[in-house]
Protein backbone atom coordinates (compact mmCIF):
# COMPACT_ATOMS: atom_id res chain seq x y z
CA MET A 1 8.59 24.26 7.65
CA ALA A 2 10.82 21.25 7.02
CA THR A 3 9.79 17.88 8.43
CA THR A 4 11.90 14.74 8.45
CA LEU A 5 10.09 11.57 7.48
CA LYS A 6 11.40 8.01 7.45
CA ILE A 7 10.31 6.72 4.04
CA ASN A 8 11.41 3.34 2.73
CA GLY A 9 14.15 3.18 5.34
CA LYS A 10 15.62 6.62 4.60
CA ASN A 11 15.27 9.87 6.51
CA ILE A 12 13.99 12.45 4.06
CA SER A 13 13.55 16.15 4.75
CA VAL A 14 10.34 17.57 3.30
CA ASP A 15 9.40 21.22 3.06
CA ALA A 16 5.62 21.15 2.75
CA ALA A 17 2.83 23.22 4.26
CA GLU A 18 1.57 22.16 7.65
CA GLY A 19 -1.20 19.57 7.34
CA THR A 20 -0.33 18.53 3.78
CA PRO A 21 -1.47 14.92 3.36
CA LEU A 22 1.30 12.36 3.04
CA LEU A 23 -0.04 11.39 -0.39
CA TRP A 24 0.75 14.82 -1.81
CA VAL A 25 4.13 14.95 -0.11
CA LEU A 26 5.00 11.62 -1.73
CA ARG A 27 3.67 12.49 -5.18
CA ASP A 28 4.29 16.23 -5.52
CA HIS A 29 7.29 16.92 -3.29
CA LEU A 30 9.21 13.64 -3.58
CA LYS A 31 8.03 12.57 -7.07
CA MET A 32 7.19 9.09 -5.76
CA THR A 33 4.19 8.48 -8.00
CA GLY A 34 3.61 4.79 -7.29
CA THR A 35 1.12 5.70 -4.55
CA LYS A 36 -2.02 6.75 -6.41
CA TYR A 37 -4.69 9.36 -5.80
CA GLY A 38 -8.15 7.86 -6.06
CA CYS A 39 -10.88 9.49 -4.01
CA GLY A 40 -9.09 11.78 -1.55
CA VAL A 41 -11.35 10.75 1.34
CA GLY A 42 -9.72 7.48 2.40
CA GLN A 43 -12.33 5.15 0.97
CA CYS A 44 -10.88 3.69 -2.23
CA GLY A 45 -7.48 2.46 -1.00
CA ALA A 46 -5.48 3.56 -4.05
CA CYS A 47 -3.22 5.63 -1.79
CA THR A 48 -2.44 2.83 0.68
CA VAL A 49 1.03 2.83 2.25
CA HIS A 50 2.36 1.10 5.35
CA LEU A 51 2.76 3.06 8.55
CA ASN A 52 4.85 0.96 10.93
CA GLY A 53 3.79 -2.08 8.90
CA ILE A 54 0.06 -1.32 9.00
CA PRO A 55 -1.78 -0.38 5.78
CA VAL A 56 -3.17 3.17 5.98
CA ARG A 57 -4.64 5.72 3.57
CA SER A 58 -2.00 8.35 2.85
CA CYS A 59 -4.56 10.88 1.60
CA GLN A 60 -5.82 11.22 5.18
CA LEU A 61 -2.50 11.49 7.02
CA PRO A 62 -1.01 14.93 7.65
CA HIS A 63 2.69 14.45 6.98
CA ASP A 64 3.73 16.63 9.89
CA GLN A 65 2.09 14.27 12.39
CA LEU A 66 4.14 11.23 11.38
CA ASN A 67 7.25 12.08 13.42
CA ASP A 68 8.91 8.74 14.17
CA ALA A 69 6.76 6.51 11.98
CA ALA A 70 8.29 4.16 9.44
CA ILE A 71 6.52 4.80 6.13
CA THR A 72 6.73 2.23 3.34
CA THR A 73 5.47 3.00 -0.14
CA ILE A 74 5.02 0.69 -3.10
CA GLU A 75 8.50 1.75 -4.24
CA GLY A 76 10.02 0.42 -1.00
CA ASN A 77 7.75 -2.59 -0.48
CA GLU A 78 10.34 -5.33 0.02
CA GLY A 79 10.81 -8.61 1.82
CA LYS A 80 9.49 -12.14 1.48
CA ALA A 81 5.79 -11.20 1.63
CA ALA A 82 6.21 -8.43 -0.95
CA THR A 83 8.14 -10.70 -3.29
CA ALA A 84 5.54 -13.45 -2.94
CA ILE A 85 2.72 -10.99 -3.69
CA ARG A 86 4.49 -9.57 -6.75
CA GLU A 87 5.21 -13.04 -8.14
CA ALA A 88 1.65 -14.21 -7.47
CA TRP A 89 0.17 -11.06 -9.01
CA ILE A 90 2.09 -11.72 -12.22
CA ALA A 91 1.30 -15.46 -12.26
CA ALA A 92 -2.42 -14.81 -11.67
CA ASP A 93 -2.49 -11.89 -14.13
CA VAL A 94 -4.32 -9.87 -11.47
CA PRO A 95 -4.32 -6.30 -12.84
CA GLN A 96 -6.56 -5.08 -15.60
CA CYS A 97 -6.28 -1.30 -15.78
CA GLY A 98 -3.82 -1.42 -12.87
CA TYR A 99 -4.71 1.89 -11.27
CA CYS A 100 -5.66 0.44 -7.88
CA GLN A 101 -2.91 -2.14 -7.82
CA SER A 102 -0.31 -0.34 -5.71
CA GLY A 103 -2.88 0.04 -2.94
CA GLN A 104 -4.08 -3.54 -3.41
CA ILE A 105 -0.50 -4.84 -3.26
CA MET A 106 0.29 -2.85 -0.12
CA SER A 107 -2.79 -4.20 1.69
CA ALA A 108 -2.16 -7.76 0.47
CA THR A 109 1.50 -7.63 1.53
CA ALA A 110 0.57 -6.50 5.03
CA LEU A 111 -2.02 -9.30 5.24
CA ILE A 112 0.29 -12.17 4.40
CA ALA A 113 3.12 -10.69 6.45
CA GLN A 114 0.78 -10.99 9.47
CA ASN A 115 -1.20 -14.09 8.43
CA ALA A 116 0.61 -16.67 6.33
CA ARG A 117 -2.55 -18.74 5.80
CA PRO A 118 -5.43 -16.32 5.26
CA THR A 119 -8.94 -17.64 4.75
CA ASP A 120 -11.37 -16.06 2.31
CA ASP A 121 -12.87 -14.16 5.25
CA ASP A 122 -9.42 -12.94 6.32
CA ILE A 123 -8.71 -11.76 2.78
CA ASP A 124 -12.08 -10.04 2.47
CA ALA A 125 -11.57 -8.25 5.79
CA ALA A 126 -8.02 -7.15 4.97
CA MET A 127 -8.90 -5.96 1.49
CA THR A 128 -12.09 -4.12 2.43
CA GLY A 129 -11.69 -0.52 1.41
CA ASN A 130 -9.43 -1.32 -1.53
CA LEU A 131 -11.75 -0.74 -4.45
CA CYS A 132 -11.16 -2.04 -7.96
CA ARG A 133 -13.19 -0.45 -10.74
CA CYS A 134 -12.39 -3.40 -13.01
CA GLY A 135 -13.78 -5.89 -10.49
CA THR A 136 -10.72 -8.14 -10.24
CA TYR A 137 -11.57 -9.17 -6.68
CA LEU A 138 -11.51 -12.91 -7.42
CA SER A 139 -8.13 -12.58 -9.12
CA ILE A 140 -6.85 -10.59 -6.16
CA ARG A 141 -8.02 -13.34 -3.80
CA ARG A 142 -6.33 -15.98 -5.97
CA GLY A 143 -3.16 -13.91 -6.00
CA ILE A 144 -3.13 -13.62 -2.21
CA LYS A 145 -3.71 -17.35 -1.78
CA ASP A 146 -0.94 -18.10 -4.27
CA ALA A 147 1.41 -15.72 -2.44
CA ALA A 148 0.63 -17.45 0.86
CA LYS A 149 1.53 -20.81 -0.73
CA ARG A 150 4.78 -19.35 -2.02
CA LEU A 151 5.68 -18.32 1.52
CA ALA A 152 4.84 -21.72 3.02
């Protein structure tokens, strides 16, 4: 059964089985592999996308229940906050292995889009659930603070 999803500003028709998680629609059906599979149970954050501007775990979202939602993936993450995060990530040399970074970037972008001056507590709260096996949490925090300065 075909479903139309609004992904990165475009209406895209998807023919996937009922209940297929958005993550697999993105990766397998649409070949948008920037959103990563990590744990499959919504706890690691590697699959984070924006749903109407809010970071969510795509591995837990049935695609056929997202009717009028605006979905943004790492491939479509644009705007001032996204640019500031990307520039800060590069300047702070945040990634090590990089596997979790698309999810980290999506959560960080949503944070500074909503809160231009996040405190350490704000950052910790927003980034909870985005796990990094390399332990780059302090670099991530520095990157977010740098991005906030770039937006100021």
